[in-house]
Amino acid sequence: MEAKAVLKYVRISPQKVKKLSSAIKGKPVEIGLGILRFMPKKSADIVEKIVRSAVSNADQNPDIDIDSLIIREIIVDQGPTLKRFRARARGRGSRILKRTSHITVILTEGSV
């Protein structure tokens, strides 16, 4: 049995979230949340929130034992990019790309 949670259109670059996701993939949920709590990154708070949401989704299914959940996979995809311009010297403008992410967390039961 598995449970998942999806968070879309998060205003953070997927590159920054992918660095973090490999640190908790394959670990039990309690250990993964402990790691995320003490990471000094903006993406750690976002991923912690979605992992907690996936655990809450798993809690709705009576067949799943919450104490034995493992973070099976964290999928980080690129969402739409917001394109902005900033004024530069000599009346020119330069492009700023504000990237967004789609994050999916999949939890599964396993032996801890």
C-alpha atoms as a PDB file:
ATOM      1  CA  MET A   1       0.000   0.000   0.000  1.00  0.00           C
ATOM      2  CA  GLU A   2       1.186   3.500  -0.710  1.00  0.00           C
ATOM      3  CA  ALA A   3       0.129   7.078  -0.126  1.00  0.00           C
ATOM      4  CA  LYS A   4       1.131  10.200  -1.966  1.00  0.00           C
ATOM      5  CA  ALA A   5       0.847  13.966  -1.850  1.00  0.00           C
ATOM      6  CA  VAL A   6       1.354  16.463  -4.676  1.00  0.00           C
ATOM      7  CA  LEU A   7       2.290  20.125  -4.382  1.00  0.00           C
ATOM      8  CA  LYS A   8       2.190  22.201  -7.558  1.00  0.00           C
ATOM      9  CA  TYR A   9       3.372  25.642  -8.606  1.00  0.00           C
ATOM     10  CA  VAL A  10       5.778  26.152  -5.697  1.00  0.00           C
ATOM     11  CA  ARG A  11       7.889  29.295  -6.183  1.00  0.00           C
ATOM     12  CA  ILE A  12      11.285  27.626  -5.810  1.00  0.00           C
ATOM     13  CA  SER A  13      13.666  26.279  -8.402  1.00  0.00           C
ATOM     14  CA  PRO A  14      13.486  22.494  -8.932  1.00  0.00           C
ATOM     15  CA  GLN A  15      17.282  22.357  -8.800  1.00  0.00           C
ATOM     16  CA  LYS A  16      17.231  23.487  -5.164  1.00  0.00           C
ATOM     17  CA  VAL A  17      14.618  20.903  -4.151  1.00  0.00           C
ATOM     18  CA  LYS A  18      16.359  18.024  -5.958  1.00  0.00           C
ATOM     19  CA  LYS A  19      19.529  18.560  -3.903  1.00  0.00           C
ATOM     20  CA  LEU A  20      17.502  18.039  -0.759  1.00  0.00           C
ATOM     21  CA  SER A  21      15.338  15.138  -1.908  1.00  0.00           C
ATOM     22  CA  SER A  22      18.209  12.668  -2.226  1.00  0.00           C
ATOM     23  CA  ALA A  23      19.031  13.124   1.488  1.00  0.00           C
ATOM     24  CA  ILE A  24      15.726  11.642   2.684  1.00  0.00           C
ATOM     25  CA  LYS A  25      14.744   9.251  -0.092  1.00  0.00           C
ATOM     26  CA  GLY A  26      14.492   5.650   1.142  1.00  0.00           C
ATOM     27  CA  LYS A  27      14.446   6.582   4.823  1.00  0.00           C
ATOM     28  CA  PRO A  28      11.623   6.042   7.343  1.00  0.00           C
ATOM     29  CA  VAL A  29       9.285   9.026   7.665  1.00  0.00           C
ATOM     30  CA  GLU A  30      10.289   9.899  11.253  1.00  0.00           C
ATOM     31  CA  ILE A  31      13.983   9.999  10.380  1.00  0.00           C
ATOM     32  CA  GLY A  32      13.314  11.939   7.176  1.00  0.00           C
ATOM     33  CA  LEU A  33      11.291  14.570   9.035  1.00  0.00           C
ATOM     34  CA  GLY A  34      14.055  14.863  11.633  1.00  0.00           C
ATOM     35  CA  ILE A  35      16.627  15.475   8.910  1.00  0.00           C
ATOM     36  CA  LEU A  36      14.432  18.098   7.227  1.00  0.00           C
ATOM     37  CA  ARG A  37      13.749  19.937  10.480  1.00  0.00           C
ATOM     38  CA  PHE A  38      17.426  20.811  10.964  1.00  0.00           C
ATOM     39  CA  MET A  39      18.359  21.603   7.360  1.00  0.00           C
ATOM     40  CA  PRO A  40      18.975  25.334   6.833  1.00  0.00           C
ATOM     41  CA  LYS A  41      17.228  25.520   3.441  1.00  0.00           C
ATOM     42  CA  LYS A  42      13.961  27.067   2.287  1.00  0.00           C
ATOM     43  CA  SER A  43      13.128  23.890   0.384  1.00  0.00           C
ATOM     44  CA  ALA A  44      13.411  21.824   3.594  1.00  0.00           C
ATOM     45  CA  ASP A  45      10.330  23.529   5.055  1.00  0.00           C
ATOM     46  CA  ILE A  46       8.379  22.968   1.840  1.00  0.00           C
ATOM     47  CA  VAL A  47       9.320  19.278   1.578  1.00  0.00           C
ATOM     48  CA  GLU A  48       8.608  18.721   5.288  1.00  0.00           C
ATOM     49  CA  LYS A  49       5.116  20.117   4.830  1.00  0.00           C
ATOM     50  CA  ILE A  50       4.349  17.855   1.863  1.00  0.00           C
ATOM     51  CA  VAL A  51       5.751  14.755   3.620  1.00  0.00           C
ATOM     52  CA  ARG A  52       3.441  15.494   6.560  1.00  0.00           C
ATOM     53  CA  SER A  53       0.564  15.839   4.089  1.00  0.00           C
ATOM     54  CA  ALA A  54       1.396  12.417   2.591  1.00  0.00           C
ATOM     55  CA  VAL A  55       1.417  10.889   6.092  1.00  0.00           C
ATOM     56  CA  SER A  56      -1.975  12.460   6.747  1.00  0.00           C
ATOM     57  CA  ASN A  57      -3.253  10.992   3.471  1.00  0.00           C
ATOM     58  CA  ALA A  58      -1.955   7.568   4.539  1.00  0.00           C
ATOM     59  CA  ASP A  59      -3.736   7.958   7.881  1.00  0.00           C
ATOM     60  CA  GLN A  60      -7.071   8.048   6.029  1.00  0.00           C
ATOM     61  CA  ASN A  61      -6.502   4.479   4.794  1.00  0.00           C
ATOM     62  CA  PRO A  62      -7.129   1.952   7.614  1.00  0.00           C
ATOM     63  CA  ASP A  63      -4.972  -0.720   5.920  1.00  0.00           C
ATOM     64  CA  ILE A  64      -1.744   1.314   6.209  1.00  0.00           C
ATOM     65  CA  ASP A  65       0.383   1.214   9.355  1.00  0.00           C
ATOM     66  CA  ILE A  66       1.699   4.776   9.786  1.00  0.00           C
ATOM     67  CA  ASP A  67       4.629   3.729  11.990  1.00  0.00           C
ATOM     68  CA  SER A  68       6.181   1.646   9.195  1.00  0.00           C
ATOM     69  CA  LEU A  69       6.006   4.225   6.387  1.00  0.00           C
ATOM     70  CA  ILE A  70       9.087   4.822   4.248  1.00  0.00           C
ATOM     71  CA  ILE A  71       9.697   7.701   1.835  1.00  0.00           C
ATOM     72  CA  ARG A  72       9.881   5.695  -1.382  1.00  0.00           C
ATOM     73  CA  GLU A  73      10.200   8.498  -3.865  1.00  0.00           C
ATOM     74  CA  ILE A  74      10.296  12.268  -4.185  1.00  0.00           C
ATOM     75  CA  ILE A  75       9.662  13.491  -7.707  1.00  0.00           C
ATOM     76  CA  VAL A  76      10.530  17.105  -8.499  1.00  0.00           C
ATOM     77  CA  ASP A  77       9.435  18.447 -11.879  1.00  0.00           C
ATOM     78  CA  GLN A  78       9.717  21.905 -13.345  1.00  0.00           C
ATOM     79  CA  GLY A  79       6.559  23.963 -13.478  1.00  0.00           C
ATOM     80  CA  PRO A  80       5.896  27.050 -15.574  1.00  0.00           C
ATOM     81  CA  THR A  81       8.528  29.792 -15.490  1.00  0.00           C
ATOM     82  CA  LEU A  82       7.569  33.384 -14.729  1.00  0.00           C
ATOM     83  CA  LYS A  83       9.451  35.725 -17.054  1.00  0.00           C
ATOM     84  CA  ARG A  84      10.299  39.182 -15.755  1.00  0.00           C
ATOM     85  CA  PHE A  85      12.581  42.036 -16.851  1.00  0.00           C
ATOM     86  CA  ARG A  86      14.953  44.205 -14.841  1.00  0.00           C
ATOM     87  CA  ALA A  87      16.254  47.579 -15.961  1.00  0.00           C
ATOM     88  CA  ARG A  88      19.966  47.633 -16.832  1.00  0.00           C
ATOM     89  CA  ALA A  89      22.489  50.217 -17.954  1.00  0.00           C
ATOM     90  CA  ARG A  90      21.974  52.303 -21.112  1.00  0.00           C
ATOM     91  CA  GLY A  91      18.224  51.766 -21.235  1.00  0.00           C
ATOM     92  CA  ARG A  92      18.464  48.035 -21.729  1.00  0.00           C
ATOM     93  CA  GLY A  93      16.622  45.284 -19.929  1.00  0.00           C
ATOM     94  CA  SER A  94      17.708  41.820 -18.861  1.00  0.00           C
ATOM     95  CA  ARG A  95      15.496  38.799 -18.406  1.00  0.00           C
ATOM     96  CA  ILE A  96      14.840  37.249 -14.995  1.00  0.00           C
ATOM     97  CA  LEU A  97      13.461  33.705 -14.877  1.00  0.00           C
ATOM     98  CA  LYS A  98      11.445  32.884 -11.770  1.00  0.00           C
ATOM     99  CA  ARG A  99      11.150  29.126 -11.800  1.00  0.00           C
ATOM    100  CA  THR A 100       8.409  27.028 -10.196  1.00  0.00           C
ATOM    101  CA  SER A 101       8.298  23.362  -9.148  1.00  0.00           C
ATOM    102  CA  HIS A 102       5.873  20.477  -8.892  1.00  0.00           C
ATOM    103  CA  ILE A 103       6.757  18.137  -5.994  1.00  0.00           C
ATOM    104  CA  THR A 104       5.322  14.631  -5.500  1.00  0.00           C
ATOM    105  CA  VAL A 105       6.044  12.511  -2.403  1.00  0.00           C
ATOM    106  CA  ILE A 106       5.239   8.797  -2.431  1.00  0.00           C
ATOM    107  CA  LEU A 107       5.229   6.820   0.823  1.00  0.00           C
ATOM    108  CA  THR A 108       5.060   3.055   1.093  1.00  0.00           C
ATOM    109  CA  GLU A 109       4.935   0.524   3.898  1.00  0.00           C
ATOM    110  CA  GLY A 110       8.126  -1.293   4.697  1.00  0.00           C
ATOM    111  CA  SER A 111      10.119  -2.815   7.515  1.00  0.00           C
ATOM    112  CA  VAL A 112      11.812  -0.195   9.668  1.00  0.00           C
END
